[in-house]
Amino acid sequence: MKLIALRCPTCNNALAPNDDDLVIACESCGAAIAITDEGLHPIELRFSAGTAAHYQPWWVFEGR
């Protein structure tokens, strides 16, 4: 098992993901972060327009 520091790579804010989270958004700077076996990696975050004034998040990252 590998232990990693759960801090945002963009702003160094502490992160608190749930046990099954693969991607999390930093509460401080809003950066999207992928949680992998190799550590934390910033990824692109986009929003899709839903109903009026309501947006759905879409995580964009490369898979293997």
PDB file of N, CA and C in Angstrom:
ATOM      1  N   MET A   1       0.851  -1.166   0.000  1.00  0.00           N
ATOM      2  CA  MET A   1       0.000   0.000   0.000  1.00  0.00           C
ATOM      3  C   MET A   1       0.900   1.233   0.000  1.00  0.00           C
ATOM      4  N   LYS A   2       0.526   2.186  -0.815  1.00  0.00           N
ATOM      5  CA  LYS A   2       1.280   3.431  -0.899  1.00  0.00           C
ATOM      6  C   LYS A   2       0.467   4.555  -0.263  1.00  0.00           C
ATOM      7  N   LEU A   3       1.068   5.305   0.627  1.00  0.00           N
ATOM      8  CA  LEU A   3       0.409   6.452   1.249  1.00  0.00           C
ATOM      9  C   LEU A   3       0.840   7.713   0.521  1.00  0.00           C
ATOM     10  N   ILE A   4      -0.136   8.575   0.211  1.00  0.00           N
ATOM     11  CA  ILE A   4       0.169   9.840  -0.460  1.00  0.00           C
ATOM     12  C   ILE A   4      -0.443  10.989   0.327  1.00  0.00           C
ATOM     13  N   ALA A   5       0.207  12.143   0.261  1.00  0.00           N
ATOM     14  CA  ALA A   5      -0.333  13.337   0.910  1.00  0.00           C
ATOM     15  C   ALA A   5      -1.529  13.821   0.105  1.00  0.00           C
ATOM     16  N   LEU A   6      -2.622  14.064   0.768  1.00  0.00           N
ATOM     17  CA  LEU A   6      -3.822  14.517   0.076  1.00  0.00           C
ATOM     18  C   LEU A   6      -3.921  16.027   0.154  1.00  0.00           C
ATOM     19  N   ARG A   7      -3.081  16.683  -0.649  1.00  0.00           N
ATOM     20  CA  ARG A   7      -3.067  18.140  -0.758  1.00  0.00           C
ATOM     21  C   ARG A   7      -3.181  18.503  -2.223  1.00  0.00           C
ATOM     22  N   CYS A   8      -3.922  19.556  -2.502  1.00  0.00           N
ATOM     23  CA  CYS A   8      -4.110  20.020  -3.870  1.00  0.00           C
ATOM     24  C   CYS A   8      -2.749  20.370  -4.483  1.00  0.00           C
ATOM     25  N   PRO A   9      -2.427  19.811  -5.656  1.00  0.00           N
ATOM     26  CA  PRO A   9      -1.157  20.146  -6.295  1.00  0.00           C
ATOM     27  C   PRO A   9      -1.109  21.587  -6.808  1.00  0.00           C
ATOM     28  N   THR A  10      -2.257  22.254  -6.885  1.00  0.00           N
ATOM     29  CA  THR A  10      -2.310  23.627  -7.378  1.00  0.00           C
ATOM     30  C   THR A  10      -2.134  24.647  -6.251  1.00  0.00           C
ATOM     31  N   CYS A  11      -2.878  24.475  -5.133  1.00  0.00           N
ATOM     32  CA  CYS A  11      -2.845  25.489  -4.066  1.00  0.00           C
ATOM     33  C   CYS A  11      -2.380  24.939  -2.716  1.00  0.00           C
ATOM     34  N   ASN A  12      -2.111  23.654  -2.625  1.00  0.00           N
ATOM     35  CA  ASN A  12      -1.634  22.989  -1.409  1.00  0.00           C
ATOM     36  C   ASN A  12      -2.700  22.885  -0.312  1.00  0.00           C
ATOM     37  N   ASN A  13      -3.961  23.086  -0.652  1.00  0.00           N
ATOM     38  CA  ASN A  13      -5.060  22.945   0.303  1.00  0.00           C
ATOM     39  C   ASN A  13      -5.271  21.463   0.616  1.00  0.00           C
ATOM     40  N   ALA A  14      -5.618  21.124   1.851  1.00  0.00           N
ATOM     41  CA  ALA A  14      -5.899  19.736   2.235  1.00  0.00           C
ATOM     42  C   ALA A  14      -7.153  19.246   1.513  1.00  0.00           C
ATOM     43  N   LEU A  15      -7.124  17.997   1.046  1.00  0.00           N
ATOM     44  CA  LEU A  15      -8.251  17.389   0.349  1.00  0.00           C
ATOM     45  C   LEU A  15      -8.841  16.288   1.214  1.00  0.00           C
ATOM     46  N   ALA A  16     -10.145  16.066   1.099  1.00  0.00           N
ATOM     47  CA  ALA A  16     -10.818  15.033   1.880  1.00  0.00           C
ATOM     48  C   ALA A  16     -11.743  14.212   0.979  1.00  0.00           C
ATOM     49  N   PRO A  17     -11.170  13.345   0.125  1.00  0.00           N
ATOM     50  CA  PRO A  17     -12.023  12.541  -0.751  1.00  0.00           C
ATOM     51  C   PRO A  17     -12.709  11.411   0.012  1.00  0.00           C
ATOM     52  N   ASN A  18     -13.788  10.918  -0.547  1.00  0.00           N
ATOM     53  CA  ASN A  18     -14.449   9.733  -0.002  1.00  0.00           C
ATOM     54  C   ASN A  18     -13.649   8.507  -0.425  1.00  0.00           C
ATOM     55  N   ASP A  19     -13.921   7.363   0.184  1.00  0.00           N
ATOM     56  CA  ASP A  19     -13.168   6.144  -0.096  1.00  0.00           C
ATOM     57  C   ASP A  19     -13.201   5.715  -1.560  1.00  0.00           C
ATOM     58  N   ASP A  20     -14.314   5.958  -2.259  1.00  0.00           N
ATOM     59  CA  ASP A  20     -14.441   5.490  -3.640  1.00  0.00           C
ATOM     60  C   ASP A  20     -14.253   6.591  -4.688  1.00  0.00           C
ATOM     61  N   ASP A  21     -13.805   7.779  -4.299  1.00  0.00           N
ATOM     62  CA  ASP A  21     -13.587   8.872  -5.245  1.00  0.00           C
ATOM     63  C   ASP A  21     -12.365   8.620  -6.119  1.00  0.00           C
ATOM     64  N   LEU A  22     -12.511   8.835  -7.425  1.00  0.00           N
ATOM     65  CA  LEU A  22     -11.400   8.771  -8.371  1.00  0.00           C
ATOM     66  C   LEU A  22     -10.962  10.159  -8.786  1.00  0.00           C
ATOM     67  N   VAL A  23     -11.887  11.108  -8.668  1.00  0.00           N
ATOM     68  CA  VAL A  23     -11.641  12.505  -9.032  1.00  0.00           C
ATOM     69  C   VAL A  23     -12.295  13.371  -7.964  1.00  0.00           C
ATOM     70  N   ILE A  24     -11.638  14.472  -7.624  1.00  0.00           N
ATOM     71  CA  ILE A  24     -12.177  15.386  -6.612  1.00  0.00           C
ATOM     72  C   ILE A  24     -11.877  16.820  -7.041  1.00  0.00           C
ATOM     73  N   ALA A  25     -12.729  17.753  -6.655  1.00  0.00           N
ATOM     74  CA  ALA A  25     -12.485  19.170  -6.919  1.00  0.00           C
ATOM     75  C   ALA A  25     -12.013  19.819  -5.618  1.00  0.00           C
ATOM     76  N   CYS A  26     -10.954  20.602  -5.703  1.00  0.00           N
ATOM     77  CA  CYS A  26     -10.431  21.313  -4.536  1.00  0.00           C
ATOM     78  C   CYS A  26     -11.442  22.368  -4.095  1.00  0.00           C
ATOM     79  N   GLU A  27     -11.773  22.372  -2.808  1.00  0.00           N
ATOM     80  CA  GLU A  27     -12.730  23.353  -2.289  1.00  0.00           C
ATOM     81  C   GLU A  27     -12.153  24.759  -2.270  1.00  0.00           C
ATOM     82  N   SER A  28     -10.844  24.876  -2.247  1.00  0.00           N
ATOM     83  CA  SER A  28     -10.202  26.188  -2.167  1.00  0.00           C
ATOM     84  C   SER A  28     -10.066  26.855  -3.537  1.00  0.00           C
ATOM     85  N   CYS A  29      -9.431  26.157  -4.491  1.00  0.00           N
ATOM     86  CA  CYS A  29      -9.160  26.782  -5.794  1.00  0.00           C
ATOM     87  C   CYS A  29     -10.031  26.245  -6.922  1.00  0.00           C
ATOM     88  N   GLY A  30     -10.780  25.159  -6.683  1.00  0.00           N
ATOM     89  CA  GLY A  30     -11.659  24.599  -7.700  1.00  0.00           C
ATOM     90  C   GLY A  30     -10.971  23.693  -8.708  1.00  0.00           C
ATOM     91  N   ALA A  31      -9.692  23.397  -8.523  1.00  0.00           N
ATOM     92  CA  ALA A  31      -8.965  22.534  -9.448  1.00  0.00           C
ATOM     93  C   ALA A  31      -9.529  21.115  -9.393  1.00  0.00           C
ATOM     94  N   ALA A  32      -9.609  20.457 -10.547  1.00  0.00           N
ATOM     95  CA  ALA A  32     -10.020  19.063 -10.622  1.00  0.00           C
ATOM     96  C   ALA A  32      -8.776  18.194 -10.493  1.00  0.00           C
ATOM     97  N   ILE A  33      -8.848  17.168  -9.658  1.00  0.00           N
ATOM     98  CA  ILE A  33      -7.680  16.354  -9.356  1.00  0.00           C
ATOM     99  C   ILE A  33      -8.046  14.880  -9.456  1.00  0.00           C
ATOM    100  N   ALA A  34      -7.283  14.134 -10.256  1.00  0.00           N
ATOM    101  CA  ALA A  34      -7.454  12.689 -10.356  1.00  0.00           C
ATOM    102  C   ALA A  34      -6.626  12.030  -9.259  1.00  0.00           C
ATOM    103  N   ILE A  35      -7.209  11.036  -8.602  1.00  0.00           N
ATOM    104  CA  ILE A  35      -6.520  10.285  -7.562  1.00  0.00           C
ATOM    105  C   ILE A  35      -6.131   8.944  -8.160  1.00  0.00           C
ATOM    106  N   THR A  36      -4.821   8.710  -8.340  1.00  0.00           N
ATOM    107  CA  THR A  36      -4.340   7.477  -8.960  1.00  0.00           C
ATOM    108  C   THR A  36      -3.354   6.777  -8.029  1.00  0.00           C
ATOM    109  N   ASP A  37      -2.933   5.596  -8.421  1.00  0.00           N
ATOM    110  CA  ASP A  37      -1.923   4.865  -7.640  1.00  0.00           C
ATOM    111  C   ASP A  37      -0.597   5.605  -7.613  1.00  0.00           C
ATOM    112  N   GLU A  38      -0.346   6.425  -8.619  1.00  0.00           N
ATOM    113  CA  GLU A  38       0.896   7.195  -8.694  1.00  0.00           C
ATOM    114  C   GLU A  38       0.832   8.507  -7.924  1.00  0.00           C
ATOM    115  N   GLY A  39      -0.339   8.908  -7.463  1.00  0.00           N
ATOM    116  CA  GLY A  39      -0.485  10.145  -6.712  1.00  0.00           C
ATOM    117  C   GLY A  39      -1.637  10.995  -7.217  1.00  0.00           C
ATOM    118  N   LEU A  40      -1.569  12.279  -6.951  1.00  0.00           N
ATOM    119  CA  LEU A  40      -2.604  13.232  -7.360  1.00  0.00           C
ATOM    120  C   LEU A  40      -2.157  13.971  -8.609  1.00  0.00           C
ATOM    121  N   HIS A  41      -3.086  14.111  -9.584  1.00  0.00           N
ATOM    122  CA  HIS A  41      -2.750  14.757 -10.849  1.00  0.00           C
ATOM    123  C   HIS A  41      -3.854  15.719 -11.251  1.00  0.00           C
ATOM    124  N   PRO A  42      -3.522  16.994 -11.521  1.00  0.00           N
ATOM    125  CA  PRO A  42      -4.533  17.936 -12.003  1.00  0.00           C
ATOM    126  C   PRO A  42      -5.072  17.479 -13.359  1.00  0.00           C
ATOM    127  N   ILE A  43      -6.373  17.621 -13.553  1.00  0.00           N
ATOM    128  CA  ILE A  43      -6.992  17.304 -14.833  1.00  0.00           C
ATOM    129  C   ILE A  43      -7.909  18.456 -15.228  1.00  0.00           C
ATOM    130  N   GLU A  44      -8.362  18.433 -16.463  1.00  0.00           N
ATOM    131  CA  GLU A  44      -9.252  19.478 -16.971  1.00  0.00           C
ATOM    132  C   GLU A  44     -10.673  19.232 -16.463  1.00  0.00           C
ATOM    133  N   LEU A  45     -11.356  20.297 -16.098  1.00  0.00           N
ATOM    134  CA  LEU A  45     -12.750  20.228 -15.634  1.00  0.00           C
ATOM    135  C   LEU A  45     -13.591  21.108 -16.530  1.00  0.00           C
ATOM    136  N   ARG A  46     -14.666  20.558 -17.053  1.00  0.00           N
ATOM    137  CA  ARG A  46     -15.602  21.319 -17.893  1.00  0.00           C
ATOM    138  C   ARG A  46     -17.004  21.177 -17.311  1.00  0.00           C
ATOM    139  N   PHE A  47     -17.860  22.112 -17.637  1.00  0.00           N
ATOM    140  CA  PHE A  47     -19.244  22.062 -17.195  1.00  0.00           C
ATOM    141  C   PHE A  47     -20.156  22.045 -18.409  1.00  0.00           C
ATOM    142  N   SER A  48     -21.204  21.270 -18.324  1.00  0.00           N
ATOM    143  CA  SER A  48     -22.194  21.177 -19.384  1.00  0.00           C
ATOM    144  C   SER A  48     -23.457  21.888 -18.918  1.00  0.00           C
ATOM    145  N   ALA A  49     -24.004  22.721 -19.788  1.00  0.00           N
ATOM    146  CA  ALA A  49     -25.222  23.441 -19.434  1.00  0.00           C
ATOM    147  C   ALA A  49     -26.378  22.459 -19.303  1.00  0.00           C
ATOM    148  N   GLY A  50     -27.056  22.492 -18.192  1.00  0.00           N
ATOM    149  CA  GLY A  50     -28.232  21.664 -17.964  1.00  0.00           C
ATOM    150  C   GLY A  50     -29.453  22.558 -18.071  1.00  0.00           C
ATOM    151  N   THR A  51     -30.277  22.562 -17.054  1.00  0.00           N
ATOM    152  CA  THR A  51     -31.412  23.476 -17.028  1.00  0.00           C
ATOM    153  C   THR A  51     -30.903  24.886 -16.728  1.00  0.00           C
ATOM    154  N   ALA A  52     -31.742  25.861 -16.784  1.00  0.00           N
ATOM    155  CA  ALA A  52     -31.341  27.256 -16.564  1.00  0.00           C
ATOM    156  C   ALA A  52     -30.599  27.408 -15.238  1.00  0.00           C
ATOM    157  N   ALA A  53     -29.412  27.977 -15.274  1.00  0.00           N
ATOM    158  CA  ALA A  53     -28.576  28.275 -14.104  1.00  0.00           C
ATOM    159  C   ALA A  53     -28.162  27.031 -13.327  1.00  0.00           C
ATOM    160  N   HIS A  54     -28.182  25.883 -13.980  1.00  0.00           N
ATOM    161  CA  HIS A  54     -27.741  24.640 -13.335  1.00  0.00           C
ATOM    162  C   HIS A  54     -26.751  23.946 -14.271  1.00  0.00           C
ATOM    163  N   TYR A  55     -25.575  23.635 -13.772  1.00  0.00           N
ATOM    164  CA  TYR A  55     -24.534  23.031 -14.592  1.00  0.00           C
ATOM    165  C   TYR A  55     -24.114  21.688 -14.015  1.00  0.00           C
ATOM    166  N   GLN A  56     -23.820  20.757 -14.894  1.00  0.00           N
ATOM    167  CA  GLN A  56     -23.359  19.435 -14.497  1.00  0.00           C
ATOM    168  C   GLN A  56     -21.858  19.336 -14.737  1.00  0.00           C
ATOM    169  N   PRO A  57     -21.069  18.841 -13.772  1.00  0.00           N
ATOM    170  CA  PRO A  57     -19.624  18.707 -13.984  1.00  0.00           C
ATOM    171  C   PRO A  57     -19.302  17.504 -14.866  1.00  0.00           C
ATOM    172  N   TRP A  58     -18.291  17.667 -15.709  1.00  0.00           N
ATOM    173  CA  TRP A  58     -17.768  16.581 -16.546  1.00  0.00           C
ATOM    174  C   TRP A  58     -16.274  16.547 -16.354  1.00  0.00           C
ATOM    175  N   TRP A  59     -15.755  15.428 -15.878  1.00  0.00           N
ATOM    176  CA  TRP A  59     -14.324  15.269 -15.671  1.00  0.00           C
ATOM    177  C   TRP A  59     -13.711  14.798 -16.989  1.00  0.00           C
ATOM    178  N   VAL A  60     -12.614  15.401 -17.389  1.00  0.00           N
ATOM    179  CA  VAL A  60     -11.938  15.043 -18.629  1.00  0.00           C
ATOM    180  C   VAL A  60     -10.533  14.563 -18.271  1.00  0.00           C
ATOM    181  N   PHE A  61     -10.261  13.288 -18.544  1.00  0.00           N
ATOM    182  CA  PHE A  61      -8.937  12.758 -18.277  1.00  0.00           C
ATOM    183  C   PHE A  61      -8.652  11.590 -19.195  1.00  0.00           C
ATOM    184  N   GLU A  62      -7.382  11.247 -19.358  1.00  0.00           N
ATOM    185  CA  GLU A  62      -6.984  10.144 -20.212  1.00  0.00           C
ATOM    186  C   GLU A  62      -7.049   8.839 -19.448  1.00  0.00           C
ATOM    187  N   GLY A  63      -7.564   7.806 -20.080  1.00  0.00           N
ATOM    188  CA  GLY A  63      -7.646   6.495 -19.446  1.00  0.00           C
ATOM    189  C   GLY A  63      -6.624   5.542 -20.076  1.00  0.00           C
ATOM    190  N   ARG A  64      -6.361   4.480 -19.364  1.00  0.00           N
ATOM    191  CA  ARG A  64      -5.453   3.450 -19.870  1.00  0.00           C
ATOM    192  C   ARG A  64      -6.174   2.139 -19.935  1.00  0.00           C
TER     193      ARG A  64
END
